[in-house]
C-alpha cells in the first residue's frame, strides 16, 4: 500500500527524539526551586493545580525550544528514511531532505539539490518565524 511505508520511519523518529525531550524536561524540572513547591503545599494546591500553575509556567520556555529544535531536526533527517525504506515503494516515503540526499549522491545533480536546499531553508525560516510568533511570551512569561 503506497504511503504506509512512511509510518515506521515516523515512529522511529519519535523514538529517536524521546531521550532529547526527557533530558530537556528533566533539566527544566530540576531548575524549579523547592520553595515554590513548599509554598504551593502551604497554600493547599493539589497535584493538578501545582502542575498547571507552577510546573508548566516554569518549563514552558524549555518545551517551546525543544519542540522547535526537534521539528527542525526531523525535517532535516534523511538518514532514517534511507536506512528504513530508501524512499520507496515508488518514492512514497521521500521527504525533502531525503530527496536532496538522493539527488546529490545518486544523480549528481547539484543544481537541483541546492535549489531544493534553499527551498527547505526558506520553509524552516518561515516555520521558525510562525512558531515564535505563535508562542510569544509576555513580560510575565505567559503566552
Protein backbone atom coordinates (compact mmCIF):
# COMPACT_ATOMS: atom_id res chain seq x y z
CA UNK A 1 0.00 0.00 0.00
CA UNK A 2 1.59 3.30 -1.04
CA UNK A 3 2.03 5.92 1.64
CA UNK A 4 2.07 3.47 4.54
CA UNK A 5 5.83 2.94 4.48
CA UNK A 6 6.46 6.38 5.99
CA UNK A 7 4.75 5.47 9.29
CA UNK A 8 7.51 3.16 10.61
CA UNK A 9 10.03 5.90 9.83
CA UNK A 10 7.88 8.41 11.75
CA UNK A 11 7.71 6.03 14.70
CA UNK A 12 11.49 5.62 14.58
CA UNK A 13 12.00 9.39 14.53
CA UNK A 14 9.68 9.80 17.52
CA UNK A 15 11.54 7.05 19.37
CA UNK A 16 14.84 8.71 18.46
CA UNK A 17 13.64 12.04 19.90
CA UNK A 18 12.28 10.78 23.23
CA UNK A 19 15.64 10.94 25.09
CA UNK A 20 16.15 14.55 23.97
CA UNK A 21 12.76 15.58 25.32
CA UNK A 22 13.29 13.58 28.51
CA UNK A 23 16.61 15.23 29.26
CA UNK A 24 15.33 18.72 28.44
CA UNK A 25 12.19 18.34 30.57
CA UNK A 26 14.15 16.77 33.43
CA UNK A 27 16.64 19.64 33.43
CA UNK A 28 13.82 22.19 33.37
CA UNK A 29 12.00 20.45 36.22
CA UNK A 30 15.16 20.29 38.31
CA UNK A 31 15.61 24.04 37.91
CA UNK A 32 12.34 24.78 39.74
CA UNK A 33 13.16 25.92 43.31
CA UNK A 34 11.90 23.72 46.15
CA UNK A 35 10.50 26.79 47.89
CA UNK A 36 7.89 27.15 45.16
CA UNK A 37 6.61 23.63 45.78
CA UNK A 38 6.60 24.26 49.54
CA UNK A 39 4.59 27.44 49.04
CA UNK A 40 2.09 25.55 46.87
CA UNK A 41 1.65 22.91 49.57
CA UNK A 42 1.19 25.63 52.20
CA UNK A 43 -1.46 27.29 50.04
CA UNK A 44 -3.32 24.00 49.67
CA UNK A 45 -2.67 23.38 45.98
CA UNK A 46 -3.13 19.80 44.82
CA UNK A 47 -1.05 17.92 42.29
CA UNK A 48 -3.03 19.07 39.26
CA UNK A 49 -3.07 22.71 40.32
CA UNK A 50 0.66 22.53 41.11
CA UNK A 51 1.32 21.06 37.67
CA UNK A 52 -0.76 23.66 35.82
CA UNK A 53 0.19 26.77 37.77
CA UNK A 54 3.76 26.04 38.84
CA UNK A 55 5.43 23.37 36.75
CA UNK A 56 4.13 24.32 33.30
CA UNK A 57 4.99 28.03 33.56
CA UNK A 58 8.49 27.18 34.73
CA UNK A 59 9.22 24.68 31.94
CA UNK A 60 7.26 26.42 29.16
CA UNK A 61 10.28 28.09 27.55
CA UNK A 62 12.20 24.82 27.56
CA UNK A 63 9.28 22.97 25.98
CA UNK A 64 8.92 25.60 23.26
CA UNK A 65 12.61 25.45 22.43
CA UNK A 66 12.68 21.63 22.50
CA UNK A 67 9.71 21.37 20.14
CA UNK A 68 11.24 23.92 17.77
CA UNK A 69 14.60 22.16 17.66
CA UNK A 70 13.11 18.69 17.29
CA UNK A 71 10.86 19.70 14.39
CA UNK A 72 13.83 21.25 12.60
CA UNK A 73 15.94 18.12 13.21
CA UNK A 74 13.19 15.79 11.99
CA UNK A 75 12.67 17.98 8.93
CA UNK A 76 16.37 17.68 8.09
CA UNK A 77 16.78 13.97 8.75
CA UNK A 78 17.24 11.90 5.63
CA UNK A 79 19.17 9.08 7.26
CA UNK A 80 16.25 7.19 8.82
CA UNK A 81 14.27 7.34 5.58
CA UNK A 82 17.17 5.89 3.60
CA UNK A 83 18.01 3.26 6.17
CA UNK A 84 14.44 2.00 6.55
CA UNK A 85 12.78 2.48 3.16
CA UNK A 86 15.28 4.01 0.73
CA UNK A 87 12.46 6.32 -0.32
CA UNK A 88 10.25 3.50 -1.54
CA UNK A 89 7.99 1.92 -2.51
CA UNK A 90 7.58 4.12 -5.52
CA UNK A 91 9.22 7.13 -3.83
CA UNK A 92 6.24 7.49 -1.47
CA UNK A 93 8.31 7.84 1.69
CA UNK A 94 10.68 10.55 0.48
CA UNK A 95 10.91 13.76 2.43
CA UNK A 96 12.53 16.92 1.10
CA UNK A 97 15.75 16.11 2.93
CA UNK A 98 15.90 12.56 1.55
CA UNK A 99 15.11 13.89 -1.94
CA UNK A 100 18.05 16.29 -1.67
CA UNK A 101 20.28 13.48 -0.42
CA UNK A 102 19.27 11.21 -3.30
CA UNK A 103 19.65 13.97 -5.87
CA UNK A 104 23.18 14.76 -4.74
CA UNK A 105 24.54 11.26 -4.25
CA UNK A 106 22.71 9.26 -6.93
CA UNK A 107 22.16 11.62 -9.86
CA UNK A 108 24.90 14.17 -9.04
CA UNK A 109 22.53 17.00 -9.96
CA UNK A 110 23.94 19.62 -7.62
CA UNK A 111 21.89 22.49 -9.06
CA UNK A 112 18.54 20.87 -8.33
CA UNK A 113 19.73 19.74 -4.91
CA UNK A 114 20.96 23.20 -3.96
CA UNK A 115 17.72 24.79 -5.17
CA UNK A 116 15.75 22.30 -3.09
CA UNK A 117 18.03 23.10 -0.15
CA UNK A 118 17.25 26.81 -0.49
CA UNK A 119 13.53 25.99 -0.58
CA UNK A 120 13.95 23.86 2.53
CA UNK A 121 15.84 26.67 4.27
CA UNK A 122 13.06 29.14 3.38
CA UNK A 123 10.44 26.72 4.71
CA UNK A 124 12.32 26.29 8.00
CA UNK A 125 12.79 30.04 8.42
CA UNK A 126 9.08 30.58 7.79
CA UNK A 127 8.23 27.82 10.26
CA UNK A 128 10.51 29.35 12.90
CA UNK A 129 9.02 32.83 12.47
CA UNK A 130 5.44 31.50 12.67
CA UNK A 131 6.32 29.25 15.62
CA UNK A 132 7.97 32.06 17.60
CA UNK A 133 5.13 34.47 16.86
CA UNK A 134 2.57 31.86 17.96
CA UNK A 135 4.48 31.08 21.16
CA UNK A 136 5.49 34.63 22.03
CA UNK A 137 5.80 35.33 25.72
CA UNK A 138 4.56 38.41 27.53
CA UNK A 139 6.63 40.15 30.13
CA UNK A 140 5.42 37.85 32.91
CA UNK A 141 6.20 34.66 30.99
CA UNK A 142 2.63 33.99 29.83
CA UNK A 143 1.74 33.34 26.21
